[in-house]
Amino acid sequence: HQGEAIYGVGGGITWDSTWQSEYREVHQKAAVLYRKQARFQLITTGRISQKQLLFEDQHLERLTKASRYFAYPFDPEELRQKIEEECQACDSHQDYRLRISLSKSGEMKLSRQILTPLSTS
């Protein structure tokens, strides 16, 4: 069954059970099905150095696994292309922080910032 599930709820009927308490118990057990899930994005952040995202394959693998787990649509090859475009727009003598987010709808957003060295004082 596509898009369908069976969620069995029930109770143990005892000598002092009433239909009202059993009915209430079933609704309490099934309440989890009616709670709204919080919206969140899957995020990974990496470093671009010399126009390349360091550990790119690991970032893609992590997003792939998370997207499968949370049932987010995700196309790793589309992201790889977007990463390449971001990297090519960078100055090869500058390092950047690249933030990648994936929404529940499958929308990917990439943003980058120049990394500034930490002061040594």
Protein backbone atom coordinates (compact mmCIF):
# COMPACT_ATOMS: atom_id res chain seq x y z
CA HIS A 1 0.00 0.00 0.00
CA GLN A 2 1.59 3.24 -1.16
CA GLY A 3 1.35 6.02 1.43
CA GLU A 4 -0.66 3.92 3.86
CA ALA A 5 0.18 2.36 7.19
CA ILE A 6 -1.58 0.40 9.87
CA TYR A 7 -1.12 1.62 13.42
CA GLY A 8 -2.76 -0.75 15.84
CA VAL A 9 -3.94 0.60 19.17
CA GLY A 10 -5.95 -1.28 21.68
CA GLY A 11 -6.18 -2.17 25.28
CA GLY A 12 -6.54 -5.03 27.64
CA ILE A 13 -10.17 -5.39 28.59
CA THR A 14 -10.52 -6.28 32.26
CA TRP A 15 -13.48 -6.91 34.54
CA ASP A 16 -13.64 -3.25 35.59
CA SER A 17 -13.18 -1.74 32.09
CA THR A 18 -15.72 0.70 30.78
CA TRP A 19 -16.27 1.58 27.18
CA GLN A 20 -15.56 5.25 28.00
CA SER A 21 -12.14 4.57 29.55
CA GLU A 22 -11.19 2.17 26.74
CA TYR A 23 -12.27 4.68 24.10
CA ARG A 24 -10.25 7.44 25.82
CA GLU A 25 -7.20 5.15 26.06
CA VAL A 26 -7.29 4.35 22.33
CA HIS A 27 -7.40 8.05 21.50
CA GLN A 28 -4.50 8.77 23.86
CA LYS A 29 -2.39 6.05 22.27
CA ALA A 30 -3.18 7.29 18.75
CA ALA A 31 -2.50 10.96 19.60
CA VAL A 32 1.06 10.62 18.30
CA LEU A 33 -0.36 10.31 14.78
CA TYR A 34 -1.98 13.74 14.96
CA ARG A 35 0.97 15.76 16.25
CA LYS A 36 2.53 18.11 13.75
CA GLN A 37 6.15 17.40 13.06
CA ALA A 38 8.48 20.33 13.44
CA ARG A 39 9.92 21.57 10.15
CA PHE A 40 13.68 21.52 10.00
CA GLN A 41 16.44 21.58 7.44
CA LEU A 42 19.34 19.23 6.99
CA ILE A 43 22.56 21.23 7.14
CA THR A 44 26.20 20.57 6.46
CA THR A 45 28.99 23.13 6.55
CA GLY A 46 32.39 22.81 4.94
CA ARG A 47 35.49 24.68 3.91
CA ILE A 48 36.32 25.74 0.38
CA SER A 49 40.06 26.02 -0.17
CA GLN A 50 41.72 26.56 -3.56
CA LYS A 51 38.30 26.42 -5.24
CA GLN A 52 37.46 22.97 -3.82
CA LEU A 53 35.13 21.89 -1.03
CA LEU A 54 37.24 19.85 1.35
CA PHE A 55 35.78 16.41 2.12
CA GLU A 56 33.07 16.93 -0.51
CA ASP A 57 32.27 13.22 -0.80
CA GLN A 58 31.77 12.94 2.97
CA HIS A 59 29.41 15.95 3.00
CA LEU A 60 27.38 14.42 0.15
CA GLU A 61 27.30 11.01 1.83
CA ARG A 62 26.13 12.51 5.12
CA LEU A 63 23.34 14.47 3.41
CA THR A 64 22.35 11.41 1.38
CA LYS A 65 22.01 9.26 4.50
CA ALA A 66 20.12 11.96 6.44
CA SER A 67 17.78 12.66 3.51
CA ARG A 68 16.91 8.97 3.24
CA TYR A 69 16.32 8.69 6.98
CA PHE A 70 14.03 11.74 7.12
CA ALA A 71 12.48 11.09 3.65
CA TYR A 72 13.69 14.38 2.14
CA PRO A 73 13.96 14.38 -1.66
CA PHE A 74 17.63 14.83 -2.58
CA ASP A 75 19.69 14.67 -5.77
CA PRO A 76 23.41 14.39 -4.91
CA GLU A 77 24.46 15.11 -8.49
CA GLU A 78 22.46 18.34 -8.54
CA LEU A 79 24.16 19.37 -5.31
CA ARG A 80 27.57 18.41 -6.70
CA GLN A 81 26.93 20.76 -9.65
CA LYS A 82 25.85 23.60 -7.31
CA ILE A 83 28.97 23.08 -5.19
CA GLU A 84 31.14 23.26 -8.31
CA GLU A 85 29.49 26.55 -9.31
CA GLU A 86 30.08 28.00 -5.83
CA CYS A 87 33.70 26.86 -5.82
CA GLN A 88 34.43 28.31 -9.26
CA ALA A 89 33.07 31.69 -8.13
CA CYS A 90 35.65 31.79 -5.31
CA ASP A 91 39.07 33.44 -5.26
CA SER A 92 41.65 30.64 -5.26
CA HIS A 93 43.78 32.55 -2.71
CA GLN A 94 40.95 32.81 -0.19
CA ASP A 95 39.24 30.20 2.00
CA TYR A 96 35.46 30.17 2.46
CA ARG A 97 32.87 28.57 4.67
CA LEU A 98 30.12 26.88 2.62
CA ARG A 99 26.78 26.19 4.27
CA ILE A 100 24.45 23.75 2.50
CA SER A 101 20.86 23.28 3.62
CA LEU A 102 18.21 20.88 2.36
CA SER A 103 14.53 21.49 3.09
CA LYS A 104 11.72 18.93 3.42
CA SER A 105 10.59 19.89 -0.10
CA GLY A 106 14.05 19.10 -1.49
CA GLU A 107 15.09 22.73 -1.98
CA MET A 108 18.85 23.20 -1.65
CA LYS A 109 20.40 26.47 -0.54
CA LEU A 110 24.10 27.20 -0.59
CA SER A 111 25.72 30.23 1.02
CA ARG A 112 29.37 31.06 1.45
CA GLN A 113 31.37 33.44 3.58
CA ILE A 114 35.02 34.38 3.50
CA LEU A 115 36.92 32.72 6.32
CA THR A 116 39.05 35.16 8.25
CA PRO A 117 42.01 33.86 10.23
CA LEU A 118 41.62 33.78 13.99
CA SER A 119 43.72 36.38 15.75
CA THR A 120 46.74 35.05 17.62
CA SER A 121 46.59 37.64 20.41
